[in-house]
Structures are given as structure tokens and as C-alpha cells.
């Protein structure tokens, strides 16, 4: 789960806690707290523990992942698709015709 690493570090430093103190309070390893503050990733259980220890809501730690918005294709893309469709139909017809010619001869 992606979390706001600076917010975790800020909450910890406001309380003048070491990473080890926070790890002990949350019931996780020191390495887990280091990973949270460095990479901003944590399990759901770790996020619940952090929120409980800091006495804040979980949503204040979680980073909402915004879905990527893909723009619809423009007119140039559609014209390329039409040409590709026409070309594939012509080539398909030629290959099919050649196959029939070879089968009949």
C-alpha cells in the first residue's frame, strides 16, 4: 500500500521518537519503519498500527493512487486505423487469391 512517507516521518519527529521507538510502539521491525519512511510502502496492518500509535485516521497516511486518464484517439489516429484496415483487407484478399490459384493449378 502506498503511504505518505513524509507524513509518517513528521509524526514521528514531532514526538521526538526514534525509528526504533516507533517500531516498538507499532509492534513491527525497525526495518519496516525504515522501509516505510524511505519508500512509502507498507502493509495494511502496518498502516493500521501507525495510525493507532499516532492517534490519527488511516486515510491521512494513505496516498490515493489516481487512475491514469487516457485521452481518446484523435482524427489522425482514426485515419491511420482505416488505412490499416484497408491494407489488411487488400493483402488478405491477395494472399487468399494466391492460395486459391495455387490450389487450383
C-alpha atoms as a PDB file:
ATOM      1  CA  UNK A   1       0.000   0.000   0.000  1.00  0.00           C
ATOM      2  CA  UNK A   2       1.381   3.443  -0.882  1.00  0.00           C
ATOM      3  CA  UNK A   3       1.590   5.801   2.055  1.00  0.00           C
ATOM      4  CA  UNK A   4       2.761   9.350   2.650  1.00  0.00           C
ATOM      5  CA  UNK A   5       6.305   8.728   3.906  1.00  0.00           C
ATOM      6  CA  UNK A   6       6.985  12.371   4.856  1.00  0.00           C
ATOM      7  CA  UNK A   7       3.810  12.396   6.979  1.00  0.00           C
ATOM      8  CA  UNK A   8       4.991   9.327   8.890  1.00  0.00           C
ATOM      9  CA  UNK A   9       8.403  10.860   9.474  1.00  0.00           C
ATOM     10  CA  UNK A  10       6.831  14.167  10.520  1.00  0.00           C
ATOM     11  CA  UNK A  11       4.519  12.433  13.009  1.00  0.00           C
ATOM     12  CA  UNK A  12       7.494  10.536  14.436  1.00  0.00           C
ATOM     13  CA  UNK A  13       9.811  13.550  14.703  1.00  0.00           C
ATOM     14  CA  UNK A  14       7.086  15.740  16.236  1.00  0.00           C
ATOM     15  CA  UNK A  15       7.033  13.269  19.102  1.00  0.00           C
ATOM     16  CA  UNK A  16      10.863  13.146  19.220  1.00  0.00           C
ATOM     17  CA  UNK A  17      10.731   9.385  18.680  1.00  0.00           C
ATOM     18  CA  UNK A  18      13.457   7.314  17.108  1.00  0.00           C
ATOM     19  CA  UNK A  19      12.609   4.862  14.377  1.00  0.00           C
ATOM     20  CA  UNK A  20      13.261   2.077  16.865  1.00  0.00           C
ATOM     21  CA  UNK A  21      10.811   3.602  19.357  1.00  0.00           C
ATOM     22  CA  UNK A  22       8.129   3.822  16.655  1.00  0.00           C
ATOM     23  CA  UNK A  23       8.840   0.241  15.580  1.00  0.00           C
ATOM     24  CA  UNK A  24       8.456  -0.983  19.162  1.00  0.00           C
ATOM     25  CA  UNK A  25       5.244   1.007  19.644  1.00  0.00           C
ATOM     26  CA  UNK A  26       3.766  -0.415  16.425  1.00  0.00           C
ATOM     27  CA  UNK A  27       4.959  -3.949  17.019  1.00  0.00           C
ATOM     28  CA  UNK A  28       6.945  -4.066  13.783  1.00  0.00           C
ATOM     29  CA  UNK A  29      10.628  -4.295  12.983  1.00  0.00           C
ATOM     30  CA  UNK A  30      12.982  -1.358  12.673  1.00  0.00           C
ATOM     31  CA  UNK A  31      13.493  -2.366   9.038  1.00  0.00           C
ATOM     32  CA  UNK A  32       9.755  -1.971   8.414  1.00  0.00           C
ATOM     33  CA  UNK A  33       9.794   1.613   9.711  1.00  0.00           C
ATOM     34  CA  UNK A  34      12.907   2.369   7.656  1.00  0.00           C
ATOM     35  CA  UNK A  35      11.183   1.000   4.543  1.00  0.00           C
ATOM     36  CA  UNK A  36       8.027   2.995   5.274  1.00  0.00           C
ATOM     37  CA  UNK A  37       9.933   6.258   5.630  1.00  0.00           C
ATOM     38  CA  UNK A  38      12.232   5.617   2.680  1.00  0.00           C
ATOM     39  CA  UNK A  39       9.951   4.048   0.066  1.00  0.00           C
ATOM     40  CA  UNK A  40       6.440   4.943   1.247  1.00  0.00           C
ATOM     41  CA  UNK A  41       5.145   1.382   1.138  1.00  0.00           C
ATOM     42  CA  UNK A  42       3.561  -0.578   3.946  1.00  0.00           C
ATOM     43  CA  UNK A  43       1.158  -3.414   4.527  1.00  0.00           C
ATOM     44  CA  UNK A  44      -2.388  -2.694   5.610  1.00  0.00           C
ATOM     45  CA  UNK A  45      -1.546  -3.984   9.100  1.00  0.00           C
ATOM     46  CA  UNK A  46       1.429  -1.615   9.392  1.00  0.00           C
ATOM     47  CA  UNK A  47      -0.715   1.340   8.322  1.00  0.00           C
ATOM     48  CA  UNK A  48      -3.311   0.396  10.951  1.00  0.00           C
ATOM     49  CA  UNK A  49      -0.581   0.199  13.611  1.00  0.00           C
ATOM     50  CA  UNK A  50       0.932   3.544  12.607  1.00  0.00           C
ATOM     51  CA  UNK A  51      -2.459   5.262  12.662  1.00  0.00           C
ATOM     52  CA  UNK A  52      -3.281   3.777  16.069  1.00  0.00           C
ATOM     53  CA  UNK A  53       0.070   4.767  17.585  1.00  0.00           C
ATOM     54  CA  UNK A  54      -0.104   8.288  16.142  1.00  0.00           C
ATOM     55  CA  UNK A  55      -3.816   8.507  17.053  1.00  0.00           C
ATOM     56  CA  UNK A  56      -4.745   9.696  13.573  1.00  0.00           C
ATOM     57  CA  UNK A  57      -7.004   8.363  10.820  1.00  0.00           C
ATOM     58  CA  UNK A  58      -5.545   5.856   8.399  1.00  0.00           C
ATOM     59  CA  UNK A  59      -6.640   7.932   5.432  1.00  0.00           C
ATOM     60  CA  UNK A  60      -4.250  10.703   6.493  1.00  0.00           C
ATOM     61  CA  UNK A  61      -1.358   8.304   5.867  1.00  0.00           C
ATOM     62  CA  UNK A  62      -2.553   6.571   2.695  1.00  0.00           C
ATOM     63  CA  UNK A  63      -1.736   8.016  -0.708  1.00  0.00           C
ATOM     64  CA  UNK A  64      -4.660   7.718  -3.091  1.00  0.00           C
ATOM     65  CA  UNK A  65      -3.499   6.360  -6.430  1.00  0.00           C
ATOM     66  CA  UNK A  66      -5.112   8.324  -9.208  1.00  0.00           C
ATOM     67  CA  UNK A  67      -6.025   6.268 -12.264  1.00  0.00           C
ATOM     68  CA  UNK A  68      -4.241   7.342 -15.400  1.00  0.00           C
ATOM     69  CA  UNK A  69      -6.577   9.158 -17.746  1.00  0.00           C
ATOM     70  CA  UNK A  70      -6.027   8.225 -21.360  1.00  0.00           C
ATOM     71  CA  UNK A  71      -7.112  10.741 -23.955  1.00  0.00           C
ATOM     72  CA  UNK A  72      -9.314   9.379 -26.741  1.00  0.00           C
ATOM     73  CA  UNK A  73      -7.547   8.963 -30.072  1.00  0.00           C
ATOM     74  CA  UNK A  74      -7.648  11.955 -32.391  1.00  0.00           C
ATOM     75  CA  UNK A  75      -8.768  12.069 -36.028  1.00  0.00           C
ATOM     76  CA  UNK A  76      -5.265  11.253 -37.292  1.00  0.00           C
ATOM     77  CA  UNK A  77      -5.301   8.011 -35.342  1.00  0.00           C
ATOM     78  CA  UNK A  78      -8.659   7.018 -36.812  1.00  0.00           C
ATOM     79  CA  UNK A  79      -7.478   7.687 -40.370  1.00  0.00           C
ATOM     80  CA  UNK A  80      -4.412   5.503 -39.729  1.00  0.00           C
ATOM     81  CA  UNK A  81      -6.652   2.751 -38.424  1.00  0.00           C
ATOM     82  CA  UNK A  82      -8.847   2.952 -41.517  1.00  0.00           C
ATOM     83  CA  UNK A  83      -5.809   2.717 -43.802  1.00  0.00           C
ATOM     84  CA  UNK A  84      -4.508  -0.231 -41.805  1.00  0.00           C
ATOM     85  CA  UNK A  85      -7.873  -1.957 -42.131  1.00  0.00           C
ATOM     86  CA  UNK A  86      -7.999  -1.331 -45.899  1.00  0.00           C
ATOM     87  CA  UNK A  87      -4.421  -2.505 -46.358  1.00  0.00           C
ATOM     88  CA  UNK A  88      -5.007  -5.674 -44.365  1.00  0.00           C
ATOM     89  CA  UNK A  89      -8.175  -6.413 -46.373  1.00  0.00           C
ATOM     90  CA  UNK A  90      -6.358  -5.926 -49.683  1.00  0.00           C
ATOM     91  CA  UNK A  91      -3.367  -8.002 -48.618  1.00  0.00           C
ATOM     92  CA  UNK A  92      -5.651 -10.664 -47.169  1.00  0.00           C
ATOM     93  CA  UNK A  93      -7.540 -10.824 -50.440  1.00  0.00           C
ATOM     94  CA  UNK A  94      -4.338 -11.113 -52.421  1.00  0.00           C
ATOM     95  CA  UNK A  95      -2.969 -13.881 -50.208  1.00  0.00           C
ATOM     96  CA  UNK A  96      -6.288 -15.699 -50.320  1.00  0.00           C
ATOM     97  CA  UNK A  97      -6.452 -15.342 -54.102  1.00  0.00           C
ATOM     98  CA  UNK A  98      -2.884 -16.616 -54.473  1.00  0.00           C
ATOM     99  CA  UNK A  99      -3.721 -19.577 -52.231  1.00  0.00           C
ATOM    100  CA  UNK A 100      -6.755 -20.425 -54.342  1.00  0.00           C
ATOM    101  CA  UNK A 101      -4.728 -20.087 -57.552  1.00  0.00           C
ATOM    102  CA  UNK A 102      -2.087 -22.457 -56.213  1.00  0.00           C
ATOM    103  CA  UNK A 103      -4.694 -24.957 -55.035  1.00  0.00           C
ATOM    104  CA  UNK A 104      -6.482 -24.960 -58.381  1.00  0.00           C
ATOM    105  CA  UNK A 105      -3.365 -25.389 -60.513  1.00  0.00           C
END
